[in-house]
Amino acid sequence: MIKPSWGTGIVIAIIIFVIVVLVQTFYLMNQKVDLVEEDYYKKGIEYQKKIDVQKKSSELSELVKFEFDGQYLIINFPKELSDNKISGEILLYRPSDSGLDIKLPINTDSLSQAIPVSNLKKGFWRVKLKWQYDGQDYYDENSFRVE
């Protein structure tokens, strides 16, 4: 039996290292990467408008309230508003998987809207609420965790 020399050991170590790096590179290159926003550059330019709209929302005498009881996400609009003049959309945003995002229209009968969360995947969710009232734009957001 031939005893391998130290040079052979170094060559084997380098070959194993190269194989590990190639396998890891191939694996990581095939991972799905979700961007926070698909059109993030355009959204970045419009960010100041969003800040202004959020400021307008915070200047209302009563803020939009988000309540989560484990089964429903309940959005309560300020009582000073007339419910039939509110329009807009609700985005249930999943930061870890954009394929799970859900857009819903605002449908208020009594200044509140209940959204069942039983069909949502467990984990962290963010609610992005874009709404209009009397020609003014408003924006609110909140987060919750489905267990």
C-alpha atoms as a PDB file:
ATOM      1  CA  MET A   1       0.000   0.000   0.000  1.00  0.00           C
ATOM      2  CA  ILE A   2       1.302   3.402  -0.978  1.00  0.00           C
ATOM      3  CA  LYS A   3       1.254   6.099   1.677  1.00  0.00           C
ATOM      4  CA  PRO A   4      -0.051   9.410   0.201  1.00  0.00           C
ATOM      5  CA  SER A   5       2.334  12.332   0.471  1.00  0.00           C
ATOM      6  CA  TRP A   6       1.488  15.719   1.946  1.00  0.00           C
ATOM      7  CA  GLY A   7       1.243  17.178  -1.588  1.00  0.00           C
ATOM      8  CA  THR A   8      -1.533  14.716  -2.455  1.00  0.00           C
ATOM      9  CA  GLY A   9      -3.420  15.762   0.696  1.00  0.00           C
ATOM     10  CA  ILE A  10      -3.242  19.432  -0.302  1.00  0.00           C
ATOM     11  CA  VAL A  11      -4.519  18.680  -3.808  1.00  0.00           C
ATOM     12  CA  ILE A  12      -7.424  16.639  -2.403  1.00  0.00           C
ATOM     13  CA  ALA A  13      -8.283  19.468   0.051  1.00  0.00           C
ATOM     14  CA  ILE A  14      -8.277  22.042  -2.785  1.00  0.00           C
ATOM     15  CA  ILE A  15     -10.494  19.829  -4.968  1.00  0.00           C
ATOM     16  CA  ILE A  16     -12.978  19.330  -2.097  1.00  0.00           C
ATOM     17  CA  PHE A  17     -12.980  23.086  -1.428  1.00  0.00           C
ATOM     18  CA  VAL A  18     -13.676  23.880  -5.113  1.00  0.00           C
ATOM     19  CA  ILE A  19     -16.515  21.330  -5.226  1.00  0.00           C
ATOM     20  CA  VAL A  20     -18.108  22.776  -2.058  1.00  0.00           C
ATOM     21  CA  VAL A  21     -17.887  26.338  -3.437  1.00  0.00           C
ATOM     22  CA  LEU A  22     -19.403  25.293  -6.792  1.00  0.00           C
ATOM     23  CA  VAL A  23     -22.278  23.395  -5.141  1.00  0.00           C
ATOM     24  CA  GLN A  24     -22.996  26.296  -2.792  1.00  0.00           C
ATOM     25  CA  THR A  25     -22.887  28.800  -5.681  1.00  0.00           C
ATOM     26  CA  PHE A  26     -25.267  26.689  -7.771  1.00  0.00           C
ATOM     27  CA  TYR A  27     -27.663  26.323  -4.814  1.00  0.00           C
ATOM     28  CA  LEU A  28     -27.681  30.029  -3.947  1.00  0.00           C
ATOM     29  CA  MET A  29     -28.089  31.141  -7.564  1.00  0.00           C
ATOM     30  CA  ASN A  30     -31.319  29.122  -7.788  1.00  0.00           C
ATOM     31  CA  GLN A  31     -32.946  30.657  -4.692  1.00  0.00           C
ATOM     32  CA  LYS A  32     -35.996  32.888  -5.179  1.00  0.00           C
ATOM     33  CA  VAL A  33     -35.370  36.482  -4.082  1.00  0.00           C
ATOM     34  CA  ASP A  34     -38.378  38.707  -3.356  1.00  0.00           C
ATOM     35  CA  LEU A  35     -37.829  42.418  -3.674  1.00  0.00           C
ATOM     36  CA  VAL A  36     -39.646  44.647  -1.215  1.00  0.00           C
ATOM     37  CA  GLU A  37     -41.240  46.392  -4.186  1.00  0.00           C
ATOM     38  CA  GLU A  38     -41.056  45.306  -7.805  1.00  0.00           C
ATOM     39  CA  ASP A  39     -40.703  48.893  -9.035  1.00  0.00           C
ATOM     40  CA  TYR A  40     -38.664  50.175  -6.097  1.00  0.00           C
ATOM     41  CA  TYR A  41     -36.941  52.995  -8.043  1.00  0.00           C
ATOM     42  CA  LYS A  42     -40.239  54.609  -9.019  1.00  0.00           C
ATOM     43  CA  LYS A  43     -41.548  54.117  -5.470  1.00  0.00           C
ATOM     44  CA  GLY A  44     -38.420  55.785  -4.081  1.00  0.00           C
ATOM     45  CA  ILE A  45     -39.034  58.896  -6.157  1.00  0.00           C
ATOM     46  CA  GLU A  46     -42.652  59.065  -4.965  1.00  0.00           C
ATOM     47  CA  TYR A  47     -41.693  58.591  -1.306  1.00  0.00           C
ATOM     48  CA  GLN A  48     -42.089  62.280  -0.374  1.00  0.00           C
ATOM     49  CA  LYS A  49     -45.689  62.198  -1.627  1.00  0.00           C
ATOM     50  CA  LYS A  50     -46.304  59.201   0.628  1.00  0.00           C
ATOM     51  CA  ILE A  51     -44.841  61.072   3.611  1.00  0.00           C
ATOM     52  CA  ASP A  52     -47.146  64.032   2.924  1.00  0.00           C
ATOM     53  CA  VAL A  53     -50.197  61.767   2.689  1.00  0.00           C
ATOM     54  CA  GLN A  54     -49.236  59.982   5.938  1.00  0.00           C
ATOM     55  CA  LYS A  55     -48.875  63.349   7.656  1.00  0.00           C
ATOM     56  CA  LYS A  56     -52.365  64.319   6.483  1.00  0.00           C
ATOM     57  CA  SER A  57     -53.685  61.040   7.947  1.00  0.00           C
ATOM     58  CA  SER A  58     -52.070  61.751  11.300  1.00  0.00           C
ATOM     59  CA  GLU A  59     -53.662  65.226  11.400  1.00  0.00           C
ATOM     60  CA  LEU A  60     -57.204  63.816  11.539  1.00  0.00           C
ATOM     61  CA  SER A  61     -58.901  64.310  14.904  1.00  0.00           C
ATOM     62  CA  GLU A  62     -59.146  60.524  15.238  1.00  0.00           C
ATOM     63  CA  LEU A  63     -56.746  58.029  13.649  1.00  0.00           C
ATOM     64  CA  VAL A  64     -57.634  54.858  11.769  1.00  0.00           C
ATOM     65  CA  LYS A  65     -57.580  51.992  14.269  1.00  0.00           C
ATOM     66  CA  PHE A  66     -56.413  48.490  13.416  1.00  0.00           C
ATOM     67  CA  GLU A  67     -57.602  45.673  15.682  1.00  0.00           C
ATOM     68  CA  PHE A  68     -56.501  42.069  15.353  1.00  0.00           C
ATOM     69  CA  ASP A  69     -58.239  39.398  17.411  1.00  0.00           C
ATOM     70  CA  GLY A  70     -56.663  36.304  15.857  1.00  0.00           C
ATOM     71  CA  GLN A  71     -59.560  35.608  13.494  1.00  0.00           C
ATOM     72  CA  TYR A  72     -60.323  39.018  11.986  1.00  0.00           C
ATOM     73  CA  LEU A  73     -58.414  42.141  11.151  1.00  0.00           C
ATOM     74  CA  ILE A  74     -60.808  45.002  11.867  1.00  0.00           C
ATOM     75  CA  ILE A  75     -60.143  48.444  10.418  1.00  0.00           C
ATOM     76  CA  ASN A  76     -62.053  51.288  12.075  1.00  0.00           C
ATOM     77  CA  PHE A  77     -62.167  54.632  10.296  1.00  0.00           C
ATOM     78  CA  PRO A  78     -62.574  57.922  12.206  1.00  0.00           C
ATOM     79  CA  LYS A  79     -66.156  58.547  13.348  1.00  0.00           C
ATOM     80  CA  GLU A  80     -66.097  62.081  11.941  1.00  0.00           C
ATOM     81  CA  LEU A  81     -66.182  60.686   8.385  1.00  0.00           C
ATOM     82  CA  SER A  82     -69.213  59.710   6.358  1.00  0.00           C
ATOM     83  CA  ASP A  83     -68.873  56.022   5.448  1.00  0.00           C
ATOM     84  CA  ASN A  84     -70.315  56.279   1.941  1.00  0.00           C
ATOM     85  CA  LYS A  85     -67.613  58.744   0.841  1.00  0.00           C
ATOM     86  CA  ILE A  86     -64.626  56.525   1.728  1.00  0.00           C
ATOM     87  CA  SER A  87     -62.949  54.639  -1.111  1.00  0.00           C
ATOM     88  CA  GLY A  88     -59.588  53.015  -1.694  1.00  0.00           C
ATOM     89  CA  GLU A  89     -57.774  49.724  -1.271  1.00  0.00           C
ATOM     90  CA  ILE A  90     -56.319  47.520   1.437  1.00  0.00           C
ATOM     91  CA  LEU A  91     -53.088  45.663   0.736  1.00  0.00           C
ATOM     92  CA  LEU A  92     -52.254  42.704   2.956  1.00  0.00           C
ATOM     93  CA  TYR A  93     -48.519  42.616   2.359  1.00  0.00           C
ATOM     94  CA  ARG A  94     -46.311  39.627   3.138  1.00  0.00           C
ATOM     95  CA  PRO A  95     -42.667  40.832   3.241  1.00  0.00           C
ATOM     96  CA  SER A  96     -41.200  37.336   2.925  1.00  0.00           C
ATOM     97  CA  ASP A  97     -43.256  36.243  -0.124  1.00  0.00           C
ATOM     98  CA  SER A  98     -44.808  38.726  -2.535  1.00  0.00           C
ATOM     99  CA  GLY A  99     -46.857  35.927  -4.080  1.00  0.00           C
ATOM    100  CA  LEU A 100     -49.065  35.900  -0.969  1.00  0.00           C
ATOM    101  CA  ASP A 101     -49.971  39.623  -1.131  1.00  0.00           C
ATOM    102  CA  ILE A 102     -53.722  40.337  -1.257  1.00  0.00           C
ATOM    103  CA  LYS A 103     -55.441  43.515  -2.488  1.00  0.00           C
ATOM    104  CA  LEU A 104     -58.971  44.250  -1.315  1.00  0.00           C
ATOM    105  CA  PRO A 105     -61.266  47.208  -2.016  1.00  0.00           C
ATOM    106  CA  ILE A 106     -62.450  49.277   0.924  1.00  0.00           C
ATOM    107  CA  ASN A 107     -66.059  48.388   1.638  1.00  0.00           C
ATOM    108  CA  THR A 108     -67.369  50.211   4.699  1.00  0.00           C
ATOM    109  CA  ASP A 109     -70.946  50.005   5.846  1.00  0.00           C
ATOM    110  CA  SER A 110     -70.432  51.352   9.345  1.00  0.00           C
ATOM    111  CA  LEU A 111     -66.992  53.008   9.202  1.00  0.00           C
ATOM    112  CA  SER A 112     -65.333  49.659   9.815  1.00  0.00           C
ATOM    113  CA  GLN A 113     -64.270  46.690   7.760  1.00  0.00           C
ATOM    114  CA  ALA A 114     -63.549  43.178   9.023  1.00  0.00           C
ATOM    115  CA  ILE A 115     -61.171  40.968   7.061  1.00  0.00           C
ATOM    116  CA  PRO A 116     -61.006  37.259   7.926  1.00  0.00           C
ATOM    117  CA  VAL A 117     -57.432  36.042   8.341  1.00  0.00           C
ATOM    118  CA  SER A 118     -58.098  32.301   8.490  1.00  0.00           C
ATOM    119  CA  ASN A 119     -56.898  31.884   4.887  1.00  0.00           C
ATOM    120  CA  LEU A 120     -53.635  33.798   5.491  1.00  0.00           C
ATOM    121  CA  LYS A 121     -50.381  31.922   5.935  1.00  0.00           C
ATOM    122  CA  LYS A 122     -48.957  32.052   9.456  1.00  0.00           C
ATOM    123  CA  GLY A 123     -46.337  34.700  10.092  1.00  0.00           C
ATOM    124  CA  PHE A 124     -45.741  38.441   9.838  1.00  0.00           C
ATOM    125  CA  TRP A 125     -48.101  40.596   7.742  1.00  0.00           C
ATOM    126  CA  ARG A 126     -48.312  44.316   7.074  1.00  0.00           C
ATOM    127  CA  VAL A 127     -51.544  46.178   6.262  1.00  0.00           C
ATOM    128  CA  LYS A 128     -51.175  49.095   3.840  1.00  0.00           C
ATOM    129  CA  LEU A 129     -54.316  51.200   3.644  1.00  0.00           C
ATOM    130  CA  LYS A 130     -54.619  53.731   0.811  1.00  0.00           C
ATOM    131  CA  TRP A 131     -57.891  55.600   1.006  1.00  0.00           C
ATOM    132  CA  GLN A 132     -59.639  58.724  -0.210  1.00  0.00           C
ATOM    133  CA  TYR A 133     -62.263  60.895   1.435  1.00  0.00           C
ATOM    134  CA  ASP A 134     -63.742  64.051  -0.116  1.00  0.00           C
ATOM    135  CA  GLY A 135     -61.012  64.193  -2.770  1.00  0.00           C
ATOM    136  CA  GLN A 136     -58.174  63.932  -0.219  1.00  0.00           C
ATOM    137  CA  ASP A 137     -55.707  61.035  -0.186  1.00  0.00           C
ATOM    138  CA  TYR A 138     -54.796  59.283   3.061  1.00  0.00           C
ATOM    139  CA  TYR A 139     -52.433  56.451   3.938  1.00  0.00           C
ATOM    140  CA  ASP A 140     -52.073  54.305   7.029  1.00  0.00           C
ATOM    141  CA  GLU A 141     -50.247  51.090   7.754  1.00  0.00           C
ATOM    142  CA  ASN A 142     -49.895  48.643  10.566  1.00  0.00           C
ATOM    143  CA  SER A 143     -48.586  45.127  11.103  1.00  0.00           C
ATOM    144  CA  PHE A 144     -49.867  41.963  12.704  1.00  0.00           C
ATOM    145  CA  ARG A 145     -48.836  38.356  13.159  1.00  0.00           C
ATOM    146  CA  VAL A 146     -50.984  35.359  12.235  1.00  0.00           C
ATOM    147  CA  GLU A 147     -50.372  32.449  14.610  1.00  0.00           C
END
